[in-house]
């Protein structure tokens, strides 16, 4: 194998992982949209700070176990949480 085919193999793996991540995120957001609709229907707050902090703590520990920078994983999760809260607030406004 020459260098270019090795690099192409790595890149194909990265492309496959990126595709899987997009599908996983899409599924996660489908579920959180259902949560947002449920919260709106039951007049629950869009945000649950204690759950969010428990999740961040749990996922930071998972990141350490996986040899992933826990700071990066926390930033990534906080970004996702902010998007979910925004969607929940929109669902509440639409209901309300």
N, C-alpha and C. Protein backbone atom coordinates (compact mmCIF):
# COMPACT_ATOMS: atom_id res chain seq x y z
N UNK A 1 0.84 -1.19 0.00
CA UNK A 1 0.00 0.00 0.00
C UNK A 1 0.88 1.24 0.00
N UNK A 2 0.56 2.17 -0.87
CA UNK A 2 1.32 3.41 -0.85
C UNK A 2 0.68 4.38 0.15
N UNK A 3 1.37 5.49 0.41
CA UNK A 3 0.89 6.47 1.39
C UNK A 3 -0.50 6.98 1.06
N UNK A 4 -0.76 7.24 -0.23
CA UNK A 4 -2.05 7.80 -0.60
C UNK A 4 -3.19 6.83 -0.30
N UNK A 5 -2.98 5.53 -0.49
CA UNK A 5 -4.04 4.57 -0.20
C UNK A 5 -4.24 4.41 1.31
N UNK A 6 -3.18 4.55 2.08
CA UNK A 6 -3.31 4.51 3.54
C UNK A 6 -4.13 5.71 4.01
N UNK A 7 -3.77 6.88 3.50
CA UNK A 7 -4.51 8.09 3.86
C UNK A 7 -5.97 8.00 3.41
N UNK A 8 -6.20 7.48 2.22
CA UNK A 8 -7.57 7.32 1.72
C UNK A 8 -8.35 6.37 2.62
N UNK A 9 -7.72 5.33 3.11
CA UNK A 9 -8.38 4.40 4.03
C UNK A 9 -8.77 5.07 5.34
N UNK A 10 -7.85 5.87 5.89
CA UNK A 10 -8.16 6.62 7.10
C UNK A 10 -9.33 7.57 6.85
N UNK A 11 -9.27 8.27 5.74
CA UNK A 11 -10.33 9.24 5.42
C UNK A 11 -11.67 8.55 5.24
N UNK A 12 -11.69 7.36 4.64
CA UNK A 12 -12.94 6.63 4.48
C UNK A 12 -13.52 6.26 5.84
N UNK A 13 -12.66 5.86 6.76
CA UNK A 13 -13.11 5.55 8.12
C UNK A 13 -13.68 6.79 8.80
N UNK A 14 -13.00 7.92 8.64
CA UNK A 14 -13.49 9.17 9.21
C UNK A 14 -14.84 9.52 8.62
N UNK A 15 -14.99 9.38 7.31
CA UNK A 15 -16.27 9.67 6.65
C UNK A 15 -17.38 8.78 7.20
N UNK A 16 -17.08 7.51 7.40
CA UNK A 16 -18.08 6.58 7.96
C UNK A 16 -18.48 6.98 9.37
N UNK A 17 -17.51 7.35 10.17
CA UNK A 17 -17.78 7.77 11.55
C UNK A 17 -18.61 9.05 11.55
N UNK A 18 -18.26 10.02 10.69
CA UNK A 18 -19.02 11.26 10.60
C UNK A 18 -20.47 10.99 10.23
N UNK A 19 -20.69 10.09 9.29
CA UNK A 19 -22.06 9.74 8.88
C UNK A 19 -22.82 9.11 10.05
N UNK A 20 -22.16 8.22 10.78
CA UNK A 20 -22.81 7.60 11.94
C UNK A 20 -23.15 8.64 12.99
N UNK A 21 -22.24 9.58 13.23
CA UNK A 21 -22.51 10.64 14.22
C UNK A 21 -23.72 11.47 13.82
N UNK A 22 -23.86 11.79 12.55
CA UNK A 22 -25.01 12.58 12.10
C UNK A 22 -26.30 11.81 12.33
N UNK A 23 -26.30 10.52 12.02
CA UNK A 23 -27.50 9.71 12.24
C UNK A 23 -27.83 9.60 13.73
N UNK A 24 -26.82 9.44 14.56
CA UNK A 24 -27.04 9.37 16.01
C UNK A 24 -27.58 10.70 16.53
N UNK A 25 -27.00 11.81 16.08
CA UNK A 25 -27.51 13.11 16.50
C UNK A 25 -28.96 13.33 16.04
N UNK A 26 -29.26 12.91 14.83
CA UNK A 26 -30.63 13.05 14.32
C UNK A 26 -31.60 12.27 15.20
N UNK A 27 -31.22 11.06 15.58
CA UNK A 27 -32.09 10.25 16.44
C UNK A 27 -32.23 10.90 17.81
N UNK A 28 -31.13 11.42 18.34
CA UNK A 28 -31.18 12.10 19.65
C UNK A 28 -32.13 13.28 19.59
N UNK A 29 -32.06 14.06 18.52
CA UNK A 29 -32.94 15.23 18.41
C UNK A 29 -34.39 14.83 18.17
N UNK A 30 -34.64 13.71 17.51
CA UNK A 30 -36.02 13.23 17.37
C UNK A 30 -36.61 12.95 18.75
N UNK A 31 -35.81 12.32 19.61
CA UNK A 31 -36.28 12.00 20.96
C UNK A 31 -36.45 13.27 21.79
N UNK A 32 -35.49 14.18 21.72
CA UNK A 32 -35.61 15.39 22.53
C UNK A 32 -36.76 16.28 22.05
N UNK A 33 -37.11 16.19 20.76
CA UNK A 33 -38.30 16.93 20.30
C UNK A 33 -39.56 16.36 20.95
N UNK A 34 -39.62 15.05 21.10
CA UNK A 34 -40.75 14.42 21.78
C UNK A 34 -40.78 14.86 23.25
N UNK A 35 -39.61 14.93 23.87
CA UNK A 35 -39.52 15.41 25.25
C UNK A 35 -40.03 16.85 25.33
N UNK A 36 -39.63 17.68 24.37
CA UNK A 36 -40.07 19.07 24.35
C UNK A 36 -41.57 19.19 24.21
N UNK A 37 -42.17 18.37 23.36
CA UNK A 37 -43.62 18.38 23.20
C UNK A 37 -44.30 17.94 24.49
N UNK A 38 -43.75 16.92 25.13
CA UNK A 38 -44.30 16.44 26.41
C UNK A 38 -44.22 17.54 27.47
N UNK A 39 -43.05 18.18 27.56
CA UNK A 39 -42.88 19.25 28.54
C UNK A 39 -43.85 20.39 28.26
N UNK A 40 -44.01 20.76 27.01
CA UNK A 40 -44.93 21.85 26.66
C UNK A 40 -46.37 21.47 27.03
N UNK A 41 -46.75 20.24 26.74
CA UNK A 41 -48.12 19.79 27.03
C UNK A 41 -48.40 19.76 28.53
N UNK A 42 -47.37 19.54 29.33
CA UNK A 42 -47.54 19.43 30.78
C UNK A 42 -47.00 20.66 31.52
N UNK A 43 -46.76 21.73 30.79
CA UNK A 43 -46.24 22.99 31.34
C UNK A 43 -45.02 22.79 32.25
N UNK A 44 -44.11 21.95 31.78
CA UNK A 44 -42.85 21.74 32.49
C UNK A 44 -41.80 22.69 31.93
N UNK A 45 -40.81 23.06 32.72
CA UNK A 45 -39.78 23.97 32.22
C UNK A 45 -38.95 23.35 31.09
N UNK A 46 -38.50 24.19 30.18
CA UNK A 46 -37.71 23.72 29.04
C UNK A 46 -36.37 23.17 29.48
N UNK A 47 -35.85 23.69 30.56
CA UNK A 47 -34.52 23.30 31.03
C UNK A 47 -34.62 22.57 32.36
N UNK A 48 -33.73 21.62 32.58
CA UNK A 48 -33.63 20.90 33.85
C UNK A 48 -32.15 20.93 34.26
N UNK A 49 -31.74 22.04 34.89
CA UNK A 49 -30.30 22.22 35.18
C UNK A 49 -29.67 21.09 35.99
N UNK A 50 -30.40 20.49 36.92
CA UNK A 50 -29.78 19.42 37.71
C UNK A 50 -29.52 18.19 36.85
N UNK A 51 -30.46 17.84 35.96
CA UNK A 51 -30.23 16.72 35.04
C UNK A 51 -29.08 17.04 34.09
N UNK A 52 -29.04 18.26 33.59
CA UNK A 52 -27.98 18.65 32.66
C UNK A 52 -26.61 18.50 33.32
N UNK A 53 -26.50 18.93 34.56
CA UNK A 53 -25.20 18.82 35.25
C UNK A 53 -24.85 17.36 35.52
N UNK A 54 -25.85 16.53 35.86
CA UNK A 54 -25.58 15.10 36.06
C UNK A 54 -25.10 14.47 34.76
N UNK A 55 -25.72 14.85 33.67
CA UNK A 55 -25.31 14.31 32.36
C UNK A 55 -23.89 14.73 32.02
N UNK A 56 -23.57 15.99 32.26
CA UNK A 56 -22.23 16.48 31.95
C UNK A 56 -21.20 15.74 32.80
N UNK A 57 -21.48 15.57 34.07
CA UNK A 57 -20.55 14.84 34.94
C UNK A 57 -20.38 13.40 34.44
N UNK A 58 -21.48 12.75 34.12
CA UNK A 58 -21.44 11.37 33.63
C UNK A 58 -20.65 11.26 32.33
N UNK A 59 -20.91 12.18 31.40
CA UNK A 59 -20.25 12.10 30.10
C UNK A 59 -18.79 12.53 30.16
N UNK A 60 -18.45 13.40 31.09
CA UNK A 60 -17.02 13.72 31.29
C UNK A 60 -16.27 12.47 31.74
N UNK A 61 -16.88 11.72 32.66
CA UNK A 61 -16.24 10.48 33.13
C UNK A 61 -16.12 9.47 31.98
N UNK A 62 -17.16 9.35 31.17
CA UNK A 62 -17.08 8.47 30.01
C UNK A 62 -15.97 8.91 29.06
N UNK A 63 -15.84 10.21 28.88
CA UNK A 63 -14.80 10.74 28.00
C UNK A 63 -13.41 10.36 28.51
N UNK A 64 -13.21 10.49 29.81
CA UNK A 64 -11.91 10.11 30.39
C UNK A 64 -11.64 8.64 30.13
N UNK A 65 -12.66 7.80 30.37
CA UNK A 65 -12.50 6.36 30.13
C UNK A 65 -12.17 6.06 28.66
N UNK A 66 -12.75 6.87 27.77
CA UNK A 66 -12.55 6.66 26.33
C UNK A 66 -11.30 7.35 25.80
N UNK A 67 -10.54 7.98 26.69
CA UNK A 67 -9.33 8.72 26.30
C UNK A 67 -9.66 9.92 25.38
N UNK A 68 -10.81 10.55 25.67
CA UNK A 68 -11.24 11.76 24.96
C UNK A 68 -11.14 12.92 25.93
N UNK A 69 -10.71 14.05 25.45
CA UNK A 69 -10.58 15.24 26.29
C UNK A 69 -11.93 15.57 26.93
N UNK A 70 -12.05 15.52 28.26
CA UNK A 70 -13.33 15.81 28.91
C UNK A 70 -13.79 17.25 28.71
N UNK A 71 -12.84 18.18 28.55
CA UNK A 71 -13.22 19.58 28.28
C UNK A 71 -13.94 19.67 26.94
N UNK A 72 -13.39 19.00 25.93
CA UNK A 72 -14.02 18.99 24.62
C UNK A 72 -15.41 18.35 24.70
N UNK A 73 -15.50 17.22 25.38
CA UNK A 73 -16.78 16.52 25.46
C UNK A 73 -17.82 17.38 26.17
N UNK A 74 -17.41 18.10 27.21
CA UNK A 74 -18.34 18.99 27.91
C UNK A 74 -18.81 20.12 27.00
N UNK A 75 -17.90 20.73 26.27
CA UNK A 75 -18.29 21.81 25.34
C UNK A 75 -19.28 21.29 24.30
N UNK A 76 -19.00 20.11 23.77
CA UNK A 76 -19.87 19.51 22.76
C UNK A 76 -21.25 19.24 23.35
N UNK A 77 -21.29 18.65 24.55
CA UNK A 77 -22.57 18.35 25.18
C UNK A 77 -23.32 19.63 25.54
N UNK A 78 -22.63 20.64 26.05
CA UNK A 78 -23.31 21.90 26.38
C UNK A 78 -23.92 22.53 25.13
N UNK A 79 -23.22 22.43 24.01
CA UNK A 79 -23.78 22.95 22.74
C UNK A 79 -25.07 22.21 22.40
N UNK A 80 -25.05 20.89 22.50
CA UNK A 80 -26.25 20.10 22.21
C UNK A 80 -27.37 20.47 23.17
N UNK A 81 -27.07 20.57 24.46
CA UNK A 81 -28.09 20.92 25.46
C UNK A 81 -28.70 22.28 25.15
N UNK A 82 -27.88 23.26 24.77
CA UNK A 82 -28.41 24.58 24.43
C UNK A 82 -29.39 24.50 23.27
N UNK A 83 -29.07 23.69 22.26
CA UNK A 83 -29.97 23.50 21.12
C UNK A 83 -31.27 22.84 21.55
N UNK A 84 -31.17 21.83 22.39
CA UNK A 84 -32.36 21.13 22.87
C UNK A 84 -33.26 22.09 23.65
N UNK A 85 -32.66 22.88 24.54
CA UNK A 85 -33.44 23.84 25.33
C UNK A 85 -34.12 24.84 24.40
N UNK A 86 -33.42 25.30 23.39
CA UNK A 86 -34.00 26.24 22.42
C UNK A 86 -35.22 25.60 21.75
N UNK A 87 -35.10 24.34 21.36
CA UNK A 87 -36.23 23.64 20.74
C UNK A 87 -37.38 23.48 21.73
N UNK A 88 -37.07 23.18 23.00
CA UNK A 88 -38.11 23.04 24.01
C UNK A 88 -38.83 24.37 24.24
N UNK A 89 -38.07 25.46 24.25
CA UNK A 89 -38.69 26.78 24.43
C UNK A 89 -39.60 27.10 23.25
N UNK A 90 -39.18 26.74 22.05
CA UNK A 90 -40.03 26.95 20.87
C UNK A 90 -41.30 26.11 20.96
N UNK A 91 -41.19 24.89 21.43
CA UNK A 91 -42.37 24.03 21.57
C UNK A 91 -43.34 24.62 22.60
N UNK A 92 -42.79 25.17 23.70
CA UNK A 92 -43.63 25.78 24.73
C UNK A 92 -44.33 27.02 24.18
N UNK A 93 -43.61 27.82 23.40
CA UNK A 93 -44.21 29.04 22.82
C UNK A 93 -45.31 28.67 21.84
N UNK A 94 -45.09 27.64 21.05
CA UNK A 94 -46.09 27.21 20.08
C UNK A 94 -47.34 26.68 20.78
N UNK A 95 -47.14 26.05 21.92
CA UNK A 95 -48.25 25.48 22.69
C UNK A 95 -49.03 26.56 23.42
N UNK A 96 -48.27 27.59 23.82
CA UNK A 96 -48.76 28.50 24.75
C UNK A 96 -49.55 29.64 24.59
